[in-house]
Amino acid sequence: MTFIRKILTTFSFLLLINTVNIFTAPLQNVPQTITQPDGTTFHCFASGDEFYNYLHCENGYTIIQNHETGFYVYADKVSDELVPTNLIFGKDNPQTLGLQKHLTIPHEKYLE
């Protein structure tokens, strides 16, 4: 009887895991509206899942908020960290700094 119970328990656990995975599908390019501290609004996109998501422009450059100024700016990556640049989203061109597109945190940090 314990062998059958182990099989049923294992089957139930696997069924639960598969059910949870159904609801964790990542979303991509969900339209967002950003309001800058000066009142101007711009459109961008959000991508990711419930564990990690990020903003980006239509050209693929990552956008983060500079907590010192409050402005949403283009991100750069330094030592596996996303850091704000001085390039304000909606006003400046991220190509002027030669920024990489699609910057995200490392997979190891995502797993944390």
C-alpha atoms as a PDB file:
ATOM      1  CA  MET A   1       0.000   0.000   0.000  1.00  0.00           C
ATOM      2  CA  THR A   2       2.843   2.435   0.686  1.00  0.00           C
ATOM      3  CA  PHE A   3       4.211   1.944  -2.833  1.00  0.00           C
ATOM      4  CA  ILE A   4       0.878   3.043  -4.337  1.00  0.00           C
ATOM      5  CA  ARG A   5       0.756   5.983  -1.930  1.00  0.00           C
ATOM      6  CA  LYS A   6       4.259   7.070  -3.028  1.00  0.00           C
ATOM      7  CA  ILE A   7       3.251   6.873  -6.674  1.00  0.00           C
ATOM      8  CA  LEU A   8       0.104   8.922  -6.052  1.00  0.00           C
ATOM      9  CA  THR A   9       2.032  11.492  -4.018  1.00  0.00           C
ATOM     10  CA  THR A  10       4.681  11.815  -6.729  1.00  0.00           C
ATOM     11  CA  PHE A  11       2.039  12.093  -9.453  1.00  0.00           C
ATOM     12  CA  SER A  12       0.164  14.781  -7.462  1.00  0.00           C
ATOM     13  CA  PHE A  13       3.376  16.751  -6.953  1.00  0.00           C
ATOM     14  CA  LEU A  14       4.247  16.616 -10.667  1.00  0.00           C
ATOM     15  CA  LEU A  15       0.732  17.675 -11.578  1.00  0.00           C
ATOM     16  CA  LEU A  16       0.989  20.637  -9.197  1.00  0.00           C
ATOM     17  CA  ILE A  17       4.320  21.746 -10.680  1.00  0.00           C
ATOM     18  CA  ASN A  18       2.952  21.602 -14.217  1.00  0.00           C
ATOM     19  CA  THR A  19      -0.139  23.567 -13.181  1.00  0.00           C
ATOM     20  CA  VAL A  20       2.024  26.314 -11.633  1.00  0.00           C
ATOM     21  CA  ASN A  21       4.163  26.533 -14.787  1.00  0.00           C
ATOM     22  CA  ILE A  22       1.059  27.209 -16.869  1.00  0.00           C
ATOM     23  CA  PHE A  23       0.513  30.484 -15.013  1.00  0.00           C
ATOM     24  CA  THR A  24       4.100  31.748 -15.194  1.00  0.00           C
ATOM     25  CA  ALA A  25       4.250  32.439 -18.923  1.00  0.00           C
ATOM     26  CA  PRO A  26       6.384  35.486 -19.663  1.00  0.00           C
ATOM     27  CA  LEU A  27       4.804  38.461 -21.364  1.00  0.00           C
ATOM     28  CA  GLN A  28       6.546  40.533 -24.001  1.00  0.00           C
ATOM     29  CA  ASN A  29       6.031  44.036 -25.317  1.00  0.00           C
ATOM     30  CA  VAL A  30       3.101  45.003 -23.106  1.00  0.00           C
ATOM     31  CA  PRO A  31       2.397  48.704 -23.837  1.00  0.00           C
ATOM     32  CA  GLN A  32       3.096  51.093 -20.952  1.00  0.00           C
ATOM     33  CA  THR A  33       2.826  54.854 -20.521  1.00  0.00           C
ATOM     34  CA  ILE A  34       5.586  56.591 -18.563  1.00  0.00           C
ATOM     35  CA  THR A  35       5.120  59.987 -16.939  1.00  0.00           C
ATOM     36  CA  GLN A  36       8.358  61.841 -16.304  1.00  0.00           C
ATOM     37  CA  PRO A  37       8.724  64.209 -13.314  1.00  0.00           C
ATOM     38  CA  ASP A  38       8.291  67.203 -15.644  1.00  0.00           C
ATOM     39  CA  GLY A  39       4.836  65.894 -16.664  1.00  0.00           C
ATOM     40  CA  THR A  40       5.682  64.650 -20.138  1.00  0.00           C
ATOM     41  CA  THR A  41       4.429  61.189 -21.035  1.00  0.00           C
ATOM     42  CA  PHE A  42       6.004  58.609 -23.300  1.00  0.00           C
ATOM     43  CA  HIS A  43       5.095  55.142 -24.452  1.00  0.00           C
ATOM     44  CA  CYS A  44       7.302  52.107 -23.935  1.00  0.00           C
ATOM     45  CA  PHE A  45       6.941  48.369 -23.345  1.00  0.00           C
ATOM     46  CA  ALA A  46       7.234  45.948 -20.424  1.00  0.00           C
ATOM     47  CA  SER A  47       8.483  42.384 -20.768  1.00  0.00           C
ATOM     48  CA  GLY A  48       9.103  39.597 -18.285  1.00  0.00           C
ATOM     49  CA  ASP A  49       7.197  37.533 -15.753  1.00  0.00           C
ATOM     50  CA  GLU A  50       6.043  37.856 -12.149  1.00  0.00           C
ATOM     51  CA  PHE A  51       9.584  37.281 -10.868  1.00  0.00           C
ATOM     52  CA  TYR A  52      11.445  39.766 -13.068  1.00  0.00           C
ATOM     53  CA  ASN A  53      10.160  42.332 -15.523  1.00  0.00           C
ATOM     54  CA  TYR A  54      11.665  45.379 -17.155  1.00  0.00           C
ATOM     55  CA  LEU A  55      10.808  48.390 -19.301  1.00  0.00           C
ATOM     56  CA  HIS A  56      12.245  48.960 -22.764  1.00  0.00           C
ATOM     57  CA  CYS A  57      11.700  51.196 -25.766  1.00  0.00           C
ATOM     58  CA  GLU A  58      10.542  49.997 -29.171  1.00  0.00           C
ATOM     59  CA  ASN A  59      14.185  49.743 -30.269  1.00  0.00           C
ATOM     60  CA  GLY A  60      15.049  47.368 -27.396  1.00  0.00           C
ATOM     61  CA  TYR A  61      16.953  49.684 -25.054  1.00  0.00           C
ATOM     62  CA  THR A  62      16.280  48.993 -21.369  1.00  0.00           C
ATOM     63  CA  ILE A  63      14.715  51.786 -19.296  1.00  0.00           C
ATOM     64  CA  ILE A  64      15.075  52.230 -15.533  1.00  0.00           C
ATOM     65  CA  GLN A  65      14.222  55.008 -13.119  1.00  0.00           C
ATOM     66  CA  ASN A  66      17.020  57.171 -11.785  1.00  0.00           C
ATOM     67  CA  HIS A  67      16.044  57.350  -8.109  1.00  0.00           C
ATOM     68  CA  GLU A  68      18.070  60.540  -7.580  1.00  0.00           C
ATOM     69  CA  THR A  69      16.255  62.545 -10.268  1.00  0.00           C
ATOM     70  CA  GLY A  70      13.027  60.561 -10.628  1.00  0.00           C
ATOM     71  CA  PHE A  71      13.406  60.482 -14.412  1.00  0.00           C
ATOM     72  CA  TYR A  72      13.185  57.291 -16.438  1.00  0.00           C
ATOM     73  CA  VAL A  73      16.479  56.908 -18.267  1.00  0.00           C
ATOM     74  CA  TYR A  74      18.222  54.415 -20.484  1.00  0.00           C
ATOM     75  CA  ALA A  75      20.138  51.739 -18.575  1.00  0.00           C
ATOM     76  CA  ASP A  76      23.705  50.592 -18.874  1.00  0.00           C
ATOM     77  CA  LYS A  77      25.270  47.472 -17.377  1.00  0.00           C
ATOM     78  CA  VAL A  78      28.235  47.676 -15.009  1.00  0.00           C
ATOM     79  CA  SER A  79      29.476  44.540 -13.220  1.00  0.00           C
ATOM     80  CA  ASP A  80      26.223  42.653 -13.827  1.00  0.00           C
ATOM     81  CA  GLU A  81      24.170  45.549 -12.428  1.00  0.00           C
ATOM     82  CA  LEU A  82      21.793  47.776 -14.377  1.00  0.00           C
ATOM     83  CA  VAL A  83      22.717  51.390 -13.704  1.00  0.00           C
ATOM     84  CA  PRO A  84      21.045  54.615 -14.833  1.00  0.00           C
ATOM     85  CA  THR A  85      22.688  56.741 -17.480  1.00  0.00           C
ATOM     86  CA  ASN A  86      22.200  60.488 -17.970  1.00  0.00           C
ATOM     87  CA  LEU A  87      20.162  59.817 -21.117  1.00  0.00           C
ATOM     88  CA  ILE A  88      16.515  60.618 -20.404  1.00  0.00           C
ATOM     89  CA  PHE A  89      14.001  58.315 -22.037  1.00  0.00           C
ATOM     90  CA  GLY A  90      11.969  60.209 -24.632  1.00  0.00           C
ATOM     91  CA  LYS A  91      14.476  63.052 -24.996  1.00  0.00           C
ATOM     92  CA  ASP A  92      17.919  61.570 -25.603  1.00  0.00           C
ATOM     93  CA  ASN A  93      19.238  59.052 -28.103  1.00  0.00           C
ATOM     94  CA  PRO A  94      20.722  55.902 -26.479  1.00  0.00           C
ATOM     95  CA  GLN A  95      22.854  55.245 -29.546  1.00  0.00           C
ATOM     96  CA  THR A  96      25.015  58.258 -28.643  1.00  0.00           C
ATOM     97  CA  LEU A  97      26.587  56.261 -25.781  1.00  0.00           C
ATOM     98  CA  GLY A  98      26.719  53.037 -27.741  1.00  0.00           C
ATOM     99  CA  LEU A  99      24.486  51.268 -25.220  1.00  0.00           C
ATOM    100  CA  GLN A 100      23.614  47.616 -25.673  1.00  0.00           C
ATOM    101  CA  LYS A 101      20.038  46.617 -26.377  1.00  0.00           C
ATOM    102  CA  HIS A 102      17.977  44.188 -24.282  1.00  0.00           C
ATOM    103  CA  LEU A 103      19.961  44.588 -21.055  1.00  0.00           C
ATOM    104  CA  THR A 104      18.628  42.517 -18.151  1.00  0.00           C
ATOM    105  CA  ILE A 105      19.960  41.151 -14.903  1.00  0.00           C
ATOM    106  CA  PRO A 106      22.055  37.956 -15.049  1.00  0.00           C
ATOM    107  CA  HIS A 107      20.197  34.641 -14.932  1.00  0.00           C
ATOM    108  CA  GLU A 108      21.737  33.858 -11.509  1.00  0.00           C
ATOM    109  CA  LYS A 109      20.185  37.007 -10.002  1.00  0.00           C
ATOM    110  CA  TYR A 110      16.860  36.116 -11.592  1.00  0.00           C
ATOM    111  CA  LEU A 111      16.962  32.741  -9.857  1.00  0.00           C
ATOM    112  CA  GLU A 112      17.580  34.417  -6.476  1.00  0.00           C
END
